[in-house]
Amino acid sequence: MYVLFTVAMFAVSLVALVDIVSRDDSQVRGLPKLVWVLLVVFLPLLGSALWFIVGHDWSVARENVSFGDPRRAERAGFGGPSRASSWSAQPVAPRQKSTEEQLADLDREIEFHEQQARLRALEIEVERRRRAE
């Protein structure tokens, strides 16, 4: 029982620490981020609970974060100083199809080619019968 409680307390504290560190300063309420980190480290259960109740700003949505080359985020319309203007000038990329949609497209294509093959076979059969008459 004690092990389960310890593991749960560690997991909640770890999640709280990651959340505190990954938040922008404008999304932290009450205390500075450093104080929240110290509170969670030294008083894990109480600090984590207080962070999620008081310190975490639930009203502000997080902006999508791009990993790797920052130009990739700008091309996708997530960053840069002229986000609004680059978003409107950005060409709209086609929506990625799901695997099921791709398989359905392939099935339709296979069916189309099978029908074309049957039509060619029937045309050849009709032409052969005309010559035989």
Protein backbone atom coordinates (compact mmCIF):
# COMPACT_ATOMS: atom_id res chain seq x y z
CA MET A 1 0.00 0.00 0.00
CA TYR A 2 2.83 2.36 0.90
CA VAL A 3 4.61 1.58 -2.36
CA LEU A 4 1.49 2.38 -4.38
CA PHE A 5 1.02 5.67 -2.53
CA THR A 6 4.69 6.57 -3.04
CA VAL A 7 4.57 5.79 -6.76
CA ALA A 8 1.34 7.79 -7.18
CA MET A 9 2.80 10.76 -5.28
CA PHE A 10 5.97 10.62 -7.40
CA ALA A 11 3.95 10.45 -10.64
CA VAL A 12 1.74 13.40 -9.69
CA SER A 13 4.78 15.42 -8.65
CA LEU A 14 6.58 14.60 -11.89
CA VAL A 15 3.56 15.60 -13.97
CA ALA A 16 3.26 18.84 -12.00
CA LEU A 17 6.96 19.64 -12.47
CA VAL A 18 6.83 18.97 -16.20
CA ASP A 19 3.70 21.10 -16.48
CA ILE A 20 5.27 23.98 -14.54
CA VAL A 21 8.48 23.94 -16.57
CA SER A 22 6.69 23.68 -19.93
CA ARG A 23 4.29 26.56 -19.21
CA ASP A 24 4.96 30.10 -20.35
CA ASP A 25 5.38 32.66 -17.55
CA SER A 26 2.09 34.26 -18.58
CA GLN A 27 0.28 30.97 -17.90
CA VAL A 28 1.46 30.69 -14.28
CA ARG A 29 -0.69 32.25 -11.57
CA GLY A 30 0.07 33.24 -8.00
CA LEU A 31 3.80 32.66 -7.68
CA PRO A 32 6.82 32.66 -9.99
CA LYS A 33 7.66 29.39 -11.71
CA LEU A 34 10.79 28.85 -9.60
CA VAL A 35 8.76 29.07 -6.38
CA TRP A 36 6.23 26.57 -7.75
CA VAL A 37 9.04 24.17 -8.66
CA LEU A 38 10.58 24.45 -5.20
CA LEU A 39 7.16 23.98 -3.59
CA VAL A 40 6.52 20.79 -5.58
CA VAL A 41 10.04 19.46 -4.88
CA PHE A 42 10.01 20.06 -1.13
CA LEU A 43 6.29 19.42 -0.46
CA PRO A 44 5.33 17.01 -3.27
CA LEU A 45 1.73 16.22 -2.35
CA LEU A 46 0.72 19.67 -1.15
CA GLY A 47 2.76 21.50 -3.80
CA SER A 48 1.32 19.45 -6.66
CA ALA A 49 -2.22 19.88 -5.39
CA LEU A 50 -1.74 23.62 -4.98
CA TRP A 51 -0.20 23.89 -8.44
CA PHE A 52 -3.15 22.21 -10.15
CA ILE A 53 -5.71 24.09 -8.05
CA VAL A 54 -4.19 27.58 -7.78
CA GLY A 55 -1.12 28.00 -9.98
CA HIS A 56 -2.21 26.38 -13.22
CA ASP A 57 -4.03 28.79 -15.56
CA TRP A 58 -6.72 26.60 -17.12
CA SER A 59 -8.29 29.38 -19.19
CA VAL A 60 -5.34 29.89 -21.54
CA ALA A 61 -4.93 27.35 -24.32
CA ARG A 62 -1.39 26.25 -25.09
CA GLU A 63 0.03 27.13 -28.47
CA ASN A 64 1.23 24.28 -30.63
CA VAL A 65 4.93 23.69 -30.17
CA SER A 66 7.13 22.73 -33.07
CA PHE A 67 10.21 20.62 -32.55
CA GLY A 68 13.25 20.90 -34.74
CA ASP A 69 13.72 23.64 -37.29
CA PRO A 70 11.83 26.82 -36.25
CA ARG A 71 11.20 27.63 -39.91
CA ARG A 72 8.96 24.58 -40.04
CA ALA A 73 6.67 26.11 -37.42
CA GLU A 74 6.56 29.38 -39.33
CA ARG A 75 5.62 27.57 -42.54
CA ALA A 76 2.85 25.77 -40.69
CA GLY A 77 1.55 29.08 -39.38
CA PHE A 78 2.35 28.54 -35.68
CA GLY A 79 5.00 31.11 -35.03
CA GLY A 80 6.90 34.12 -36.13
CA PRO A 81 6.19 37.79 -35.70
CA SER A 82 3.71 37.98 -38.54
CA ARG A 83 1.61 34.99 -37.65
CA ALA A 84 -1.69 36.45 -38.84
CA SER A 85 -0.32 37.66 -42.16
CA SER A 86 1.68 34.50 -42.83
CA TRP A 87 -1.37 32.38 -42.00
CA SER A 88 -3.54 34.12 -44.58
CA ALA A 89 -0.79 33.99 -47.21
CA GLN A 90 -0.12 30.32 -46.48
CA PRO A 91 -1.44 27.96 -49.16
CA VAL A 92 -3.88 25.43 -47.80
CA ALA A 93 -2.36 21.96 -47.74
CA PRO A 94 -4.61 19.05 -48.66
CA ARG A 95 -5.94 17.06 -45.75
CA GLN A 96 -4.08 13.84 -45.02
CA LYS A 97 -6.29 10.82 -45.62
CA SER A 98 -6.62 8.18 -42.99
CA THR A 99 -5.47 4.63 -43.67
CA GLU A 100 -9.07 3.49 -44.06
CA GLU A 101 -9.75 6.21 -46.64
CA GLN A 102 -6.60 5.30 -48.56
CA LEU A 103 -7.59 1.62 -48.56
CA ALA A 104 -11.10 2.50 -49.76
CA ASP A 105 -9.58 4.56 -52.60
CA LEU A 106 -7.35 1.64 -53.57
CA ASP A 107 -10.33 -0.74 -53.50
CA ARG A 108 -12.28 1.59 -55.82
CA GLU A 109 -9.28 1.83 -58.15
CA ILE A 110 -8.89 -1.96 -58.25
CA GLU A 111 -12.61 -2.37 -58.95
CA PHE A 112 -12.42 0.22 -61.76
CA HIS A 113 -9.50 -1.58 -63.43
CA GLU A 114 -11.22 -4.96 -63.06
CA GLN A 115 -14.32 -3.52 -64.77
CA GLN A 116 -12.12 -2.12 -67.55
CA ALA A 117 -10.51 -5.53 -68.02
CA ARG A 118 -13.95 -7.21 -68.18
CA LEU A 119 -15.12 -4.65 -70.76
CA ARG A 120 -12.03 -5.24 -72.89
CA ALA A 121 -12.58 -9.00 -72.67
CA LEU A 122 -16.24 -8.57 -73.70
CA GLU A 123 -15.27 -6.30 -76.61
CA ILE A 124 -12.76 -8.89 -77.80
CA GLU A 125 -15.44 -11.62 -77.50
CA VAL A 126 -17.96 -9.52 -79.47
CA GLU A 127 -15.38 -8.78 -82.16
CA ARG A 128 -14.48 -12.51 -82.38
CA ARG A 129 -18.16 -13.47 -82.80
CA ARG A 130 -18.68 -10.86 -85.52
CA ARG A 131 -15.79 -12.29 -87.50
CA ALA A 132 -17.08 -15.82 -87.03
CA GLU A 133 -20.51 -14.94 -88.54
